[in-house]
Protein backbone atom coordinates (compact mmCIF):
# COMPACT_ATOMS: atom_id res chain seq x y z
CA UNK A 1 94.76 94.01 94.53
CA UNK A 2 97.50 91.39 94.74
CA UNK A 3 98.34 92.59 98.28
CA UNK A 4 94.69 92.35 99.33
CA UNK A 5 94.42 88.68 98.36
CA UNK A 6 97.63 87.85 100.23
CA UNK A 7 96.41 89.58 103.40
CA UNK A 8 93.00 87.93 102.99
CA UNK A 9 94.64 84.51 102.95
CA UNK A 10 96.68 85.33 106.07
CA UNK A 11 93.66 86.70 107.97
CA UNK A 12 91.48 83.73 107.01
CA UNK A 13 94.17 81.32 108.24
CA UNK A 14 94.45 83.24 111.50
CA UNK A 15 90.68 83.27 112.02
CA UNK A 16 90.48 79.53 111.34
CA UNK A 17 93.20 78.85 113.93
CA UNK A 18 91.51 81.18 116.44
CA UNK A 19 88.20 79.36 116.00
CA UNK A 20 89.74 75.88 116.24
CA UNK A 21 91.62 76.79 119.41
CA UNK A 22 88.59 78.59 120.88
CA UNK A 23 90.57 81.72 121.63
CA UNK A 24 88.57 84.38 123.48
CA UNK A 25 90.92 87.37 123.10
CA UNK A 26 93.95 88.33 121.00
CA UNK A 27 96.43 90.64 122.74
CA UNK A 28 98.59 91.55 119.73
CA UNK A 29 99.58 90.41 116.26
CA UNK A 30 103.01 90.64 114.63
CA UNK A 31 103.72 90.38 110.91
CA UNK A 32 106.81 90.42 108.72
CA UNK A 33 106.58 91.94 105.26
CA UNK A 34 109.09 92.31 102.49
CA UNK A 35 110.16 95.87 101.71
CA UNK A 36 108.54 95.53 98.26
CA UNK A 37 105.13 94.87 99.87
CA UNK A 38 103.36 98.17 100.62
CA UNK A 39 102.81 98.59 104.36
CA UNK A 40 99.92 100.97 103.67
CA UNK A 41 98.19 98.41 101.43
CA UNK A 42 98.80 95.73 104.05
CA UNK A 43 97.26 97.81 106.85
CA UNK A 44 94.25 98.87 104.76
CA UNK A 45 93.49 95.28 103.74
CA UNK A 46 94.01 94.01 107.30
CA UNK A 47 91.67 96.63 108.76
CA UNK A 48 88.90 95.93 106.27
CA UNK A 49 89.20 92.15 106.58
CA UNK A 50 89.13 92.05 110.39
CA UNK A 51 85.98 94.12 110.95
CA UNK A 52 83.64 92.21 113.24
CA UNK A 53 86.26 89.63 114.25
CA UNK A 54 88.44 89.13 117.34
CA UNK A 55 91.27 90.72 115.35
CA UNK A 56 89.43 93.99 114.69
CA UNK A 57 90.90 96.19 117.44
CA UNK A 58 94.00 94.10 118.15
CA UNK A 59 97.24 96.11 118.02
CA UNK A 60 99.49 95.02 115.16
CA UNK A 61 103.22 95.34 114.66
CA UNK A 62 104.66 95.09 111.16
CA UNK A 63 108.36 94.32 110.82
CA UNK A 64 110.04 94.96 107.48
CA UNK A 65 112.51 92.58 105.88
CA UNK A 66 114.62 94.27 103.21
CA UNK A 67 114.50 92.86 99.70
CA UNK A 68 118.00 93.42 98.38
CA UNK A 69 118.60 93.92 94.66
CA UNK A 70 122.03 93.06 93.29
CA UNK A 71 122.16 93.70 89.56
CA UNK A 72 124.70 92.14 87.22
CA UNK A 73 125.77 95.71 86.31
CA UNK A 74 126.96 96.22 89.89
CA UNK A 75 124.06 98.35 91.15
CA UNK A 76 122.82 97.39 94.63
CA UNK A 77 119.84 98.69 96.60
CA UNK A 78 116.91 97.73 98.80
CA UNK A 79 113.69 97.47 96.78
CA UNK A 80 110.79 99.50 98.12
CA UNK A 81 107.16 99.13 97.02
CA UNK A 82 107.20 102.67 95.59
CA UNK A 83 109.92 101.66 93.12
CA UNK A 84 107.95 98.87 91.46
CA UNK A 85 106.25 99.09 88.10
CA UNK A 86 103.45 96.60 88.63
CA UNK A 87 105.41 93.66 90.01
CA UNK A 88 108.62 94.55 88.21
CA UNK A 89 111.70 96.37 89.46
CA UNK A 90 113.80 98.17 86.87
CA UNK A 91 117.47 98.76 87.62
CA UNK A 92 117.98 102.54 87.59
CA UNK A 93 121.53 102.08 86.29
CA UNK A 94 121.17 99.66 83.35
CA UNK A 95 117.42 99.08 82.87
CA UNK A 96 117.49 95.35 83.68
CA UNK A 97 114.18 94.10 85.05
CA UNK A 98 113.42 91.73 87.91
CA UNK A 99 110.01 90.27 88.69
CA UNK A 100 109.07 90.62 92.34
CA UNK A 101 106.69 88.05 93.84
């Protein structure tokens, strides 16, 4: 649900800007997301929130920015959304936790 509210805020901002600028057609949209933010959740929220708007059938590109984890125990890895427990990442080597926004 956290992802949905983030995407909702982004879409609402985009729609406000589109309306203010009186845009008639959107050719494409590009987003960046952190690797800890589920791309599937992003796409599902985006599709449901853009129904009936100029953004509805617009092709989207989603670029991923890696969220690197460097633990004090020496373990290093890129955090993926599938590795989170809620909004927490747990180091697989030592069990240290890190909250992910």
